[in-house]
């Protein structure tokens, strides 16, 4: 018996938020990962399998069925004070980024020079501001919605801008690197369509890193994607404009 599209979508959101991958679901159900993907795509999810998945992810089955697990309960943007707190100390920022990248408690401890007490303390702070929800055994649920974003020119964006120069300390010639600079002239409508496509790319890569969360950390390579688009002349070209735009 299949389940409604709303229920399946709610379940998928909860799995993403709890860092539960299709591979882990497949192991719990005794199925191949490809079969699990088809099951979610088609909505052909039996009640027995649904209950098994809820047990695996520690999801309240009753709440899920009532449709209360949706993005309305997730964070779409932090306050300026909360963002400032995230960048206030290097280790808190490190932990926040790791949790956004679905790195586990044990993986953080084995990868970075941070003590267990420090890590728990920072996770408690992130739970307090609504960034995550702490679960038993140092597990967590990420509370960021798919539409989550940083405040324009807020503390986090300013922090990233200050560190952008280090991003370009590469010739981008390695197999996992790419640098493109494309200058074009488009109509406003086509610019809008293009920016929408870039947003979809950002969402796609976010979904992919959730699916890859079940792989060992050593097999999950860091990848930073910087997407930027704006009307822009190089300074020397700007100086040669007959009618420069107003500042």
Protein backbone atom coordinates (compact mmCIF):
# COMPACT_ATOMS: atom_id res chain seq x y z
CA UNK A 1 0.00 0.00 0.00
CA UNK A 2 1.45 3.36 -0.99
CA UNK A 3 1.54 6.48 1.16
CA UNK A 4 0.44 10.01 0.28
CA UNK A 5 2.94 12.32 -1.40
CA UNK A 6 2.73 14.75 1.55
CA UNK A 7 3.58 12.00 4.02
CA UNK A 8 6.52 10.73 1.95
CA UNK A 9 7.85 14.26 1.50
CA UNK A 10 7.52 14.91 5.24
CA UNK A 11 9.42 11.69 5.94
CA UNK A 12 12.19 12.66 3.51
CA UNK A 13 12.54 16.07 5.21
CA UNK A 14 12.83 14.42 8.60
CA UNK A 15 15.45 11.95 7.35
CA UNK A 16 17.52 14.81 5.89
CA UNK A 17 17.27 16.79 9.11
CA UNK A 18 18.38 13.77 11.17
CA UNK A 19 21.27 12.89 8.80
CA UNK A 20 19.70 9.51 7.95
CA UNK A 21 20.78 8.40 4.48
CA UNK A 22 19.11 6.09 1.98
CA UNK A 23 21.97 3.69 2.60
CA UNK A 24 21.09 3.51 6.30
CA UNK A 25 17.41 3.08 5.49
CA UNK A 26 18.30 0.30 3.06
CA UNK A 27 20.28 -1.52 5.77
CA UNK A 28 17.38 -1.25 8.23
CA UNK A 29 14.88 -2.57 5.68
CA UNK A 30 17.16 -5.25 4.22
CA UNK A 31 16.90 -3.68 0.77
CA UNK A 32 19.28 -2.35 -1.83
CA UNK A 33 19.88 1.40 -1.75
CA UNK A 34 18.61 1.71 -5.34
CA UNK A 35 15.36 0.01 -4.31
CA UNK A 36 14.92 2.44 -1.43
CA UNK A 37 15.36 5.38 -3.79
CA UNK A 38 12.70 3.95 -6.12
CA UNK A 39 10.42 3.34 -3.15
CA UNK A 40 10.60 6.99 -2.07
CA UNK A 41 10.27 8.21 -5.65
CA UNK A 42 7.14 6.16 -6.30
CA UNK A 43 5.63 6.53 -2.83
CA UNK A 44 5.23 2.75 -2.68
CA UNK A 45 5.93 2.63 1.05
CA UNK A 46 4.16 0.03 3.19
CA UNK A 47 3.03 0.80 6.73
CA UNK A 48 5.49 -1.78 8.10
CA UNK A 49 8.42 -0.16 6.30
CA UNK A 50 7.25 3.29 7.37
CA UNK A 51 7.25 2.22 11.02
CA UNK A 52 10.73 0.69 10.66
CA UNK A 53 12.09 3.92 9.18
CA UNK A 54 10.48 5.99 11.94
CA UNK A 55 12.06 3.73 14.55
CA UNK A 56 15.46 4.01 12.84
CA UNK A 57 15.32 7.83 12.72
CA UNK A 58 13.56 8.26 16.09
CA UNK A 59 10.63 10.02 14.42
CA UNK A 60 7.29 10.21 16.22
CA UNK A 61 5.04 8.25 13.88
CA UNK A 62 1.89 9.99 15.11
CA UNK A 63 3.34 13.45 14.50
CA UNK A 64 4.51 12.41 11.05
CA UNK A 65 1.07 11.09 10.08
CA UNK A 66 -0.60 14.28 11.32
CA UNK A 67 1.60 16.22 8.96
CA UNK A 68 3.34 18.35 11.54
CA UNK A 69 6.86 17.60 10.38
CA UNK A 70 7.36 20.37 7.87
CA UNK A 71 9.61 23.31 7.19
CA UNK A 72 7.38 25.56 9.32
CA UNK A 73 9.23 24.16 12.34
CA UNK A 74 12.69 24.63 10.82
CA UNK A 75 14.93 27.66 10.80
CA UNK A 76 15.02 29.70 7.58
CA UNK A 77 17.21 32.51 8.91
CA UNK A 78 19.00 33.33 12.15
CA UNK A 79 18.94 36.67 13.93
CA UNK A 80 21.92 38.99 13.67
CA UNK A 81 22.74 38.21 17.30
CA UNK A 82 22.70 34.47 16.60
CA UNK A 83 24.93 34.83 13.54
CA UNK A 84 27.34 36.98 15.56
CA UNK A 85 27.49 34.24 18.17
CA UNK A 86 28.36 31.62 15.55
CA UNK A 87 31.43 33.57 14.41
CA UNK A 88 32.41 34.71 17.90
CA UNK A 89 34.85 31.85 18.52
CA UNK A 90 36.74 29.67 16.02
CA UNK A 91 35.73 26.37 17.63
CA UNK A 92 32.04 27.21 17.77
CA UNK A 93 32.16 28.18 14.10
CA UNK A 94 34.02 24.94 13.31
CA UNK A 95 31.40 22.84 15.09
CA UNK A 96 28.53 24.68 13.38
CA UNK A 97 30.05 24.10 9.94
CA UNK A 98 30.69 20.43 10.74
CA UNK A 99 27.08 19.92 11.80
CA UNK A 100 25.83 21.67 8.68
CA UNK A 101 28.01 19.23 6.72
CA UNK A 102 26.48 16.29 8.63
CA UNK A 103 29.68 15.27 10.40
CA UNK A 104 29.08 13.07 13.44
CA UNK A 105 30.20 13.74 17.01
CA UNK A 106 32.85 11.00 16.86
CA UNK A 107 34.11 12.18 13.46
CA UNK A 108 34.56 15.73 14.74
CA UNK A 109 36.57 14.49 17.73
CA UNK A 110 38.82 12.29 15.59
CA UNK A 111 39.39 14.96 12.95
CA UNK A 112 39.91 18.19 14.88
CA UNK A 113 41.81 19.30 17.99
CA UNK A 114 38.74 19.76 20.15
CA UNK A 115 37.99 18.00 23.42
CA UNK A 116 34.81 16.08 24.16
CA UNK A 117 33.82 18.64 26.79
CA UNK A 118 34.34 21.53 24.35
CA UNK A 119 32.36 19.79 21.63
CA UNK A 120 29.42 19.02 23.90
CA UNK A 121 29.46 22.59 25.17
CA UNK A 122 29.33 24.01 21.66
CA UNK A 123 26.58 21.60 20.63
CA UNK A 124 24.56 22.74 23.66
CA UNK A 125 25.00 26.37 22.54
CA UNK A 126 23.86 25.47 19.03
CA UNK A 127 20.85 23.63 20.48
CA UNK A 128 20.00 26.71 22.55
CA UNK A 129 19.86 29.02 19.54
CA UNK A 130 17.78 26.54 17.54
CA UNK A 131 20.52 25.50 15.11
CA UNK A 132 20.26 21.82 16.08
CA UNK A 133 18.29 19.63 18.43
CA UNK A 134 20.45 17.42 20.61
CA UNK A 135 19.46 13.75 20.71
CA UNK A 136 20.63 10.89 22.94
CA UNK A 137 24.20 9.56 22.57
CA UNK A 138 25.53 12.85 21.16
CA UNK A 139 23.42 12.59 18.02
CA UNK A 140 21.66 15.63 16.67
CA UNK A 141 18.97 16.80 14.32
CA UNK A 142 19.82 19.73 12.07
CA UNK A 143 17.05 22.34 12.25
CA UNK A 144 17.87 24.31 9.11
CA UNK A 145 15.20 24.42 6.40
CA UNK A 146 16.00 23.84 2.73
CA UNK A 147 15.35 27.55 2.25
CA UNK A 148 17.82 28.53 4.98
CA UNK A 149 20.03 31.49 4.20
CA UNK A 150 22.38 33.95 5.87
CA UNK A 151 21.48 37.60 6.51
CA UNK A 152 22.63 39.73 3.54
CA UNK A 153 25.87 41.39 4.64
CA UNK A 154 25.23 40.04 8.15
CA UNK A 155 27.90 38.72 10.53
CA UNK A 156 28.25 35.39 8.70
CA UNK A 157 28.56 36.88 5.20
CA UNK A 158 31.03 39.46 6.50
CA UNK A 159 33.04 36.64 8.08
CA UNK A 160 33.13 34.71 4.81
CA UNK A 161 34.07 37.80 2.82
CA UNK A 162 37.01 38.39 5.15
CA UNK A 163 38.22 34.85 4.44
CA UNK A 164 37.49 34.76 0.69
CA UNK A 165 41.13 35.55 -0.34
CA UNK A 166 42.26 32.15 0.94
CA UNK A 167 39.68 30.50 -1.33
CA UNK A 168 41.52 31.84 -4.39
CA UNK A 169 44.98 30.69 -3.29
CA UNK A 170 44.90 28.00 -5.94
CA UNK A 171 45.38 27.76 -9.67
CA UNK A 172 42.23 25.58 -9.78
CA UNK A 173 43.97 22.98 -11.93
CA UNK A 174 43.34 19.93 -9.74
CA UNK A 175 40.84 17.25 -10.73
CA UNK A 176 38.30 18.40 -8.12
CA UNK A 177 38.66 22.13 -8.82
CA UNK A 178 37.03 24.49 -11.29
CA UNK A 179 37.16 28.24 -11.82
CA UNK A 180 35.06 29.93 -14.47
CA UNK A 181 34.50 33.61 -15.07
CA UNK A 182 31.83 34.31 -17.68
CA UNK A 183 30.84 37.82 -18.71
CA UNK A 184 27.60 38.12 -20.66
CA UNK A 185 24.82 40.58 -21.46
CA UNK A 186 21.31 39.23 -20.85
CA UNK A 187 17.81 40.63 -20.59
CA UNK A 188 16.43 41.01 -17.04
CA UNK A 189 14.06 38.06 -17.59
CA UNK A 190 16.89 35.75 -18.63
CA UNK A 191 19.03 36.93 -15.74
CA UNK A 192 16.22 35.98 -13.37
CA UNK A 193 15.90 32.53 -14.96
CA UNK A 194 19.64 31.99 -14.72
CA UNK A 195 19.75 32.94 -11.03
CA UNK A 196 16.90 30.50 -10.35
CA UNK A 197 18.94 27.73 -12.01
CA UNK A 198 21.93 28.57 -9.82
CA UNK A 199 19.72 28.27 -6.74
CA UNK A 200 18.63 24.82 -7.92
CA UNK A 201 22.29 23.82 -8.30
CA UNK A 202 22.92 24.92 -4.71
CA UNK A 203 19.94 22.87 -3.49
CA UNK A 204 21.04 19.84 -5.53
CA UNK A 205 24.52 19.81 -4.01
CA UNK A 206 22.99 20.26 -0.55
CA UNK A 207 20.75 17.22 -1.11
CA UNK A 208 23.69 15.21 -2.42
CA UNK A 209 25.82 15.80 0.66
CA UNK A 210 22.90 14.54 2.77
CA UNK A 211 22.79 11.33 0.75
CA UNK A 212 26.57 10.93 1.08
CA UNK A 213 26.49 11.37 4.88
CA UNK A 214 26.49 7.61 5.39
CA UNK A 215 29.91 7.22 3.78
CA UNK A 216 33.04 7.29 6.00
CA UNK A 217 34.34 10.79 6.60
CA UNK A 218 37.63 9.85 4.91
CA UNK A 219 35.71 9.26 1.66
CA UNK A 220 33.76 12.53 1.84
CA UNK A 221 36.02 15.23 0.46
CA UNK A 222 35.53 18.88 1.31
CA UNK A 223 34.08 20.88 -1.54
CA UNK A 224 33.31 24.59 -1.30
CA UNK A 225 31.01 26.04 -3.93
CA UNK A 226 31.08 29.81 -4.33
CA UNK A 227 28.26 31.15 -6.50
CA UNK A 228 28.22 34.88 -7.17
CA UNK A 229 26.54 36.95 -9.85
CA UNK A 230 26.19 40.72 -10.09
CA UNK A 231 26.41 43.58 -12.59
CA UNK A 232 30.11 44.34 -12.54
CA UNK A 233 32.78 46.20 -14.49
CA UNK A 234 36.43 45.94 -13.61
CA UNK A 235 37.53 49.26 -12.14
CA UNK A 236 39.52 50.36 -15.19
CA UNK A 237 36.49 49.61 -17.40
CA UNK A 238 34.17 51.45 -15.03
CA UNK A 239 36.36 54.56 -15.38
CA UNK A 240 35.88 54.55 -19.15
CA UNK A 241 32.05 54.55 -19.08
CA UNK A 242 30.50 57.67 -20.61
CA UNK A 243 27.47 57.39 -18.33
CA UNK A 244 28.50 55.47 -15.21
CA UNK A 245 25.64 54.12 -13.05
CA UNK A 246 24.78 56.00 -9.89
CA UNK A 247 26.54 54.71 -6.79
